[in-house]
């Protein structure tokens, strides 16, 4: 069984102005959590929602939040084990591909 994979979803309550018709950051977080749980049953992962407008304790989270606020990335921004796998209008395929690099399997 693979180790627990860390997934981070960065965003805020306000929908990204450049992401017309995209779901909100929190909707993306909830959707990813459900989709990953369904596809990769019983495979360990943690998914964390990080509000970019709130104070962050971890340095890498401060860095990504600031980079989003500086318009370097669109939000929601999704990282799997520290790798950016989606931003703005997030797609499942790149997320699944990165999880499978870390040993996830749909047949497990």
Protein backbone atom coordinates (compact mmCIF):
# COMPACT_ATOMS: atom_id res chain seq x y z
CA UNK A 1 0.00 0.00 0.00
CA UNK A 2 1.39 3.45 -0.87
CA UNK A 3 2.27 5.99 1.79
CA UNK A 4 -0.27 8.69 2.60
CA UNK A 5 -0.15 11.28 -0.18
CA UNK A 6 -0.55 14.95 0.63
CA UNK A 7 -2.89 17.02 -1.53
CA UNK A 8 -3.26 20.76 -1.01
CA UNK A 9 -5.93 22.95 -2.54
CA UNK A 10 -5.26 26.70 -2.32
CA UNK A 11 -8.02 29.21 -2.84
CA UNK A 12 -10.42 31.70 -1.35
CA UNK A 13 -14.15 32.32 -1.10
CA UNK A 14 -14.14 34.65 -4.11
CA UNK A 15 -14.18 32.86 -7.47
CA UNK A 16 -11.12 33.59 -9.61
CA UNK A 17 -11.99 36.44 -12.00
CA UNK A 18 -10.04 34.77 -14.81
CA UNK A 19 -11.83 31.45 -14.32
CA UNK A 20 -15.28 32.19 -15.70
CA UNK A 21 -17.81 29.43 -14.97
CA UNK A 22 -15.27 27.43 -12.94
CA UNK A 23 -16.33 26.01 -9.57
CA UNK A 24 -15.24 27.79 -6.40
CA UNK A 25 -12.06 26.75 -4.61
CA UNK A 26 -13.96 25.00 -1.83
CA UNK A 27 -16.19 23.23 -4.38
CA UNK A 28 -13.04 22.05 -6.16
CA UNK A 29 -11.60 20.78 -2.87
CA UNK A 30 -14.79 18.84 -2.06
CA UNK A 31 -15.09 17.49 -5.60
CA UNK A 32 -11.46 16.28 -5.62
CA UNK A 33 -11.82 14.62 -2.23
CA UNK A 34 -14.91 12.71 -3.40
CA UNK A 35 -13.49 11.78 -6.82
CA UNK A 36 -10.16 10.54 -5.43
CA UNK A 37 -11.88 8.56 -2.66
CA UNK A 38 -14.14 6.88 -5.25
CA UNK A 39 -11.42 6.03 -7.76
CA UNK A 40 -8.71 5.00 -5.30
CA UNK A 41 -10.66 3.19 -2.57
CA UNK A 42 -8.75 2.53 0.66
CA UNK A 43 -5.60 4.28 -0.56
CA UNK A 44 -4.27 6.79 1.96
CA UNK A 45 -4.29 10.48 1.18
CA UNK A 46 -4.86 13.69 3.06
CA UNK A 47 -6.40 16.67 1.36
CA UNK A 48 -6.15 20.13 2.88
CA UNK A 49 -7.90 23.33 1.91
CA UNK A 50 -5.73 26.43 2.37
CA UNK A 51 -7.44 29.84 2.30
CA UNK A 52 -4.91 32.21 0.71
CA UNK A 53 -6.40 35.20 2.54
CA UNK A 54 -5.73 33.73 5.99
CA UNK A 55 -2.45 33.66 7.91
CA UNK A 56 -0.42 30.52 7.16
CA UNK A 57 1.89 28.78 9.64
CA UNK A 58 3.90 26.68 7.20
CA UNK A 59 6.48 28.44 5.05
CA UNK A 60 5.63 26.63 1.80
CA UNK A 61 1.94 27.52 2.28
CA UNK A 62 2.82 31.18 2.87
CA UNK A 63 4.90 31.08 -0.31
CA UNK A 64 2.17 29.56 -2.51
CA UNK A 65 -0.51 31.85 -1.05
CA UNK A 66 1.64 34.89 -1.81
CA UNK A 67 2.45 33.65 -5.32
CA UNK A 68 -1.29 33.30 -6.02
CA UNK A 69 -1.96 36.78 -4.59
CA UNK A 70 0.86 38.09 -6.82
CA UNK A 71 -0.93 36.56 -9.86
CA UNK A 72 1.79 33.97 -10.52
CA UNK A 73 -0.86 31.23 -10.29
CA UNK A 74 -4.63 31.11 -10.76
CA UNK A 75 -6.71 29.59 -7.99
CA UNK A 76 -7.79 27.10 -7.01
CA UNK A 77 -4.24 25.76 -7.14
CA UNK A 78 -3.83 22.02 -6.53
CA UNK A 79 -0.60 20.38 -5.39
CA UNK A 80 0.07 16.67 -4.98
CA UNK A 81 3.16 16.00 -2.84
CA UNK A 82 4.34 19.54 -3.59
CA UNK A 83 3.89 19.29 -7.39
CA UNK A 84 1.47 21.69 -9.08
CA UNK A 85 -1.09 19.55 -10.93
CA UNK A 86 -3.81 22.08 -11.64
CA UNK A 87 -4.80 25.71 -11.36
CA UNK A 88 -7.88 27.71 -12.21
CA UNK A 89 -10.16 25.21 -13.90
CA UNK A 90 -8.80 21.96 -12.40
CA UNK A 91 -9.02 18.71 -14.39
CA UNK A 92 -8.97 15.21 -12.86
CA UNK A 93 -6.56 13.56 -15.33
CA UNK A 94 -3.39 15.40 -14.21
CA UNK A 95 -4.32 14.83 -10.54
CA UNK A 96 -4.84 11.10 -11.14
CA UNK A 97 -1.61 10.87 -13.17
CA UNK A 98 0.40 12.39 -10.30
CA UNK A 99 -1.26 10.11 -7.73
CA UNK A 100 -0.42 7.08 -9.87
CA UNK A 101 3.24 8.23 -9.99
CA UNK A 102 3.13 7.84 -6.21
CA UNK A 103 1.76 4.28 -6.37
CA UNK A 104 -1.99 4.79 -6.44
CA UNK A 105 -3.91 2.24 -8.48
CA UNK A 106 -7.60 2.18 -9.43
CA UNK A 107 -7.58 -1.63 -9.08
CA UNK A 108 -6.50 -1.61 -5.41
